Protein backbone atom coordinates (compact mmCIF):
# COMPACT_ATOMS: atom_id res chain seq x y z
CA MET A 1 33.07 -7.90 -12.09
CA PRO A 2 29.86 -9.55 -11.15
CA LYS A 3 26.74 -7.53 -11.59
CA THR A 4 25.33 -6.66 -8.22
CA LYS A 5 21.65 -7.95 -7.59
CA VAL A 6 19.22 -5.20 -6.32
CA PHE A 7 16.41 -6.08 -3.99
CA SER A 8 13.54 -3.60 -2.56
CA THR A 9 10.63 -3.86 -0.13
CA ILE A 10 7.71 -1.75 -0.44
CA THR A 11 6.01 -1.67 2.72
CA GLY A 12 3.42 0.73 1.69
CA MET A 13 2.72 3.37 -0.90
CA GLY A 14 1.27 5.95 1.67
CA SER A 15 -1.38 8.64 1.58
CA ILE A 16 -0.36 10.09 -1.54
CA TYR A 17 -2.18 7.36 -3.31
CA THR A 18 -5.36 7.39 -1.16
CA SER A 19 -5.86 11.12 -0.79
CA LYS A 20 -7.94 12.47 -3.63
CA GLY A 21 -6.67 16.10 -3.41
CA PHE A 22 -5.50 18.07 -6.64
CA LYS A 23 -1.87 18.31 -4.98
CA ASN A 24 -1.84 14.58 -4.56
CA VAL A 25 -2.85 13.68 -7.98
CA ILE A 26 0.15 16.12 -9.28
CA LEU A 27 2.52 14.50 -6.94
CA ARG A 28 1.52 11.01 -7.83
CA SER A 29 2.70 11.44 -11.45
CA GLY A 30 6.21 12.35 -10.26
CA VAL A 31 6.12 9.55 -7.43
CA ASN A 32 5.12 7.09 -10.24
CA LEU A 33 8.18 8.09 -12.37
CA LEU A 34 10.33 7.58 -9.54
CA TYR A 35 9.09 4.35 -8.65
CA LYS A 36 9.55 3.21 -12.20
CA ILE A 37 13.02 4.44 -12.61
CA ALA A 38 14.05 3.30 -9.00
CA CYS A 39 12.53 -0.26 -9.85
CA ALA A 40 14.14 -0.52 -13.18
CA ARG A 41 17.34 -2.50 -12.04
CA ASN A 42 15.79 -4.54 -9.27
CA SER A 43 16.27 -8.23 -9.47
CA ILE A 44 13.15 -8.70 -7.03
CA VAL A 45 10.71 -6.34 -5.51
CA PHE A 46 8.94 -7.45 -2.12
CA PHE A 47 5.65 -6.23 -1.21
CA GLN A 48 3.58 -6.50 1.95
CA ASN A 49 0.32 -6.30 0.48
CA SER A 50 -1.17 -7.48 -2.71
CA ILE A 51 -2.93 -4.15 -3.57
CA ASP A 52 0.48 -2.38 -3.94
CA GLN A 53 2.13 -5.45 -5.80
CA ASP A 54 -0.80 -5.60 -8.18
CA PHE A 55 -0.52 -1.67 -8.55
CA PHE A 56 3.12 -2.06 -9.44
CA ILE A 57 2.53 -4.68 -12.29
CA GLN A 58 -0.75 -2.94 -13.81
CA ASN A 59 1.29 0.33 -14.03
CA LYS A 60 4.23 -1.54 -15.56
CA PHE A 61 6.82 -0.35 -12.68
CA ILE A 62 7.91 -4.07 -12.52
CA PRO A 63 7.36 -7.17 -14.44
CA LYS A 64 5.07 -9.83 -12.55
CA GLU A 65 8.09 -12.21 -12.54
CA LYS A 66 10.20 -9.84 -10.47
CA ALA A 67 7.09 -9.26 -7.84
CA VAL A 68 7.19 -11.17 -4.61
CA LEU A 69 4.37 -11.14 -1.68
CA GLN A 70 5.51 -11.36 1.85
CA ASN A 71 3.95 -11.27 5.12
CA GLY A 72 3.76 -7.71 6.46
CA THR A 73 5.19 -6.50 9.56
CA GLY A 74 1.52 -5.41 11.02
CA VAL A 75 -0.55 -7.17 13.70
CA ASN A 76 -2.72 -10.14 12.98
CA LEU A 77 -5.98 -8.28 14.26
CA ASP A 78 -7.88 -11.67 14.04
CA ARG A 79 -5.38 -13.36 16.64
CA PHE A 80 -4.42 -10.37 18.48
CA GLY A 81 -7.40 -7.88 18.32
């Protein structure tokens, strides 16, 4: 049986990474572990922004070779703002 390829998309990491409260600092450790486990078998992980992509690579959630930056789903404020 052929190995199934797994692809994930990270659209944004959320307020747990932007908030400084003590609760978020504790939760972040657990979420980091879950991201690492969830991405371990991915063939490719797509990111919608370079900050999240860099965070995953720097924290060794995925190797750089598995990260792909794609255009996000947001509105281009320079064009439509």
